[in-house]
Amino acid sequence: MIAPYLAGMQEKIRQGSEPDNASLIYEFVNQQIGFAKQASEQEKNSYISLFRVLLETAADEMLPRHWRSLCMDYIQQPLSLLWELAESDESKWEVVKLCHEFKTIGDYVASSINNPILKH
């Protein structure tokens, strides 16, 4: 779940509608983390949601490369916070799976950002 006031920011990030506004990602990440900490029951899901938005945006080749790169720069924050929350072996395993997903998709994304293929 995402705070209603953050939904607009999330949509702007996901659509890349303000690619020259790097502070948008910074603000969204910090606001989302602040929201997650206040809502302890929803904290884990908020971090997972934040991770997914950043990863999906970074992987979207229709968006500007610098925007995708900024998302990659911030993606470690929710993963680190999820690891801090993980108390059981099961919850730690969930974070490990997300890290593996990031590694797998992140390698592809980094390659596509650094070596763009010319499109028709």
Protein backbone atom coordinates (compact mmCIF):
# COMPACT_ATOMS: atom_id res chain seq x y z
CA MET A 1 0.00 0.00 0.00
CA ILE A 2 1.15 3.49 -0.78
CA ALA A 3 0.16 6.72 0.91
CA PRO A 4 -2.37 8.57 -1.26
CA TYR A 5 -0.19 11.68 -1.45
CA LEU A 6 2.65 9.55 -2.82
CA ALA A 7 0.57 7.94 -5.57
CA GLY A 8 1.03 10.91 -7.88
CA MET A 9 4.77 10.92 -7.34
CA GLN A 10 4.90 7.17 -7.98
CA GLU A 11 3.01 7.60 -11.23
CA LYS A 12 5.36 10.38 -12.38
CA ILE A 13 8.37 8.17 -11.64
CA ARG A 14 6.89 5.10 -13.28
CA GLN A 15 5.93 7.03 -16.43
CA GLY A 16 9.14 9.06 -16.50
CA SER A 17 7.03 12.17 -16.97
CA GLU A 18 9.59 14.46 -15.32
CA PRO A 19 12.94 13.03 -16.46
CA ASP A 20 14.78 16.27 -15.71
CA ASN A 21 13.56 16.31 -12.10
CA ALA A 22 16.06 14.06 -10.29
CA SER A 23 14.82 15.34 -6.95
CA LEU A 24 11.47 13.65 -7.63
CA ILE A 25 12.99 10.20 -7.06
CA TYR A 26 14.90 11.44 -4.00
CA GLU A 27 11.71 12.94 -2.53
CA PHE A 28 9.62 9.88 -3.34
CA VAL A 29 12.12 7.47 -1.81
CA ASN A 30 12.43 9.54 1.37
CA GLN A 31 8.68 10.11 1.67
CA GLN A 32 7.91 6.45 1.04
CA ILE A 33 10.47 5.36 3.63
CA GLY A 34 9.04 7.86 6.12
CA PHE A 35 5.53 6.58 5.45
CA ALA A 36 6.67 2.98 5.82
CA LYS A 37 8.29 3.63 9.19
CA GLN A 38 5.13 5.27 10.51
CA ALA A 39 2.95 2.38 9.43
CA SER A 40 4.93 -0.50 10.95
CA GLU A 41 2.30 -3.03 9.93
CA GLN A 42 2.70 -2.01 6.31
CA GLU A 43 6.41 -1.29 6.45
CA LYS A 44 7.58 -4.44 4.70
CA ASN A 45 5.00 -4.13 1.91
CA SER A 46 5.86 -0.46 1.43
CA TYR A 47 9.54 -1.30 0.96
CA ILE A 48 8.69 -4.11 -1.45
CA SER A 49 6.41 -1.76 -3.39
CA LEU A 50 9.16 0.87 -3.51
CA PHE A 51 11.64 -1.76 -4.73
CA ARG A 52 9.23 -2.90 -7.46
CA VAL A 53 8.50 0.63 -8.72
CA LEU A 54 12.20 1.44 -8.94
CA LEU A 55 13.07 -1.88 -10.61
CA GLU A 56 10.20 -1.74 -13.11
CA THR A 57 11.03 1.86 -13.98
CA ALA A 58 14.73 1.07 -14.39
CA ALA A 59 13.88 -1.84 -16.69
CA ASP A 60 11.53 0.21 -18.89
CA GLU A 61 13.53 0.88 -22.05
CA MET A 62 10.97 3.44 -23.22
CA LEU A 63 12.12 5.85 -20.50
CA PRO A 64 15.21 8.08 -20.66
CA ARG A 65 18.46 6.32 -19.71
CA HIS A 66 19.40 8.85 -17.03
CA TRP A 67 15.99 8.37 -15.35
CA ARG A 68 16.40 4.63 -15.34
CA SER A 69 19.93 5.02 -13.98
CA LEU A 70 18.67 7.19 -11.11
CA CYS A 71 16.19 4.47 -10.17
CA MET A 72 19.05 1.96 -10.11
CA ASP A 73 20.99 4.30 -7.82
CA TYR A 74 18.20 4.27 -5.24
CA ILE A 75 17.10 0.63 -5.39
CA GLN A 76 19.47 -0.53 -2.64
CA GLN A 77 17.67 1.57 -0.02
CA PRO A 78 14.47 -0.48 0.21
CA LEU A 79 16.47 -3.73 0.05
CA SER A 80 18.66 -2.62 2.94
CA LEU A 81 15.63 -1.60 4.98
CA LEU A 82 13.93 -4.92 4.27
CA TRP A 83 17.05 -6.73 5.47
CA GLU A 84 17.00 -4.70 8.69
CA LEU A 85 13.38 -5.75 9.26
CA ALA A 86 14.01 -9.42 8.55
CA GLU A 87 14.02 -11.32 11.83
CA SER A 88 13.09 -14.84 10.80
CA ASP A 89 14.86 -17.14 8.35
CA GLU A 90 11.77 -16.97 6.15
CA SER A 91 11.77 -13.19 5.96
CA LYS A 92 15.52 -13.15 5.33
CA TRP A 93 14.99 -15.64 2.50
CA GLU A 94 12.37 -13.29 0.99
CA VAL A 95 14.93 -10.48 0.94
CA VAL A 96 17.55 -12.79 -0.58
CA LYS A 97 15.08 -13.63 -3.37
CA LEU A 98 14.49 -9.91 -4.02
CA CYS A 99 18.25 -9.33 -4.10
CA HIS A 100 18.60 -12.17 -6.59
CA GLU A 101 15.83 -10.66 -8.70
CA PHE A 102 17.60 -7.30 -8.58
CA LYS A 103 20.91 -8.90 -9.54
CA THR A 104 19.36 -10.76 -12.45
CA ILE A 105 17.30 -7.89 -13.82
CA GLY A 106 19.79 -5.26 -12.68
CA ASP A 107 22.58 -6.74 -14.79
CA TYR A 108 20.33 -6.55 -17.85
CA VAL A 109 19.19 -3.02 -16.99
CA ALA A 110 22.73 -1.79 -16.40
CA SER A 111 23.78 -3.26 -19.72
CA SER A 112 20.88 -1.62 -21.56
CA ILE A 113 21.60 1.73 -19.88
CA ASN A 114 25.32 1.63 -20.61
CA ASN A 115 25.07 0.09 -24.08
CA PRO A 116 21.81 1.19 -25.66
CA ILE A 117 20.75 -0.61 -28.80
CA LEU A 118 19.74 1.67 -31.63
CA LYS A 119 16.01 1.44 -32.24
CA HIS A 120 14.32 1.64 -35.63
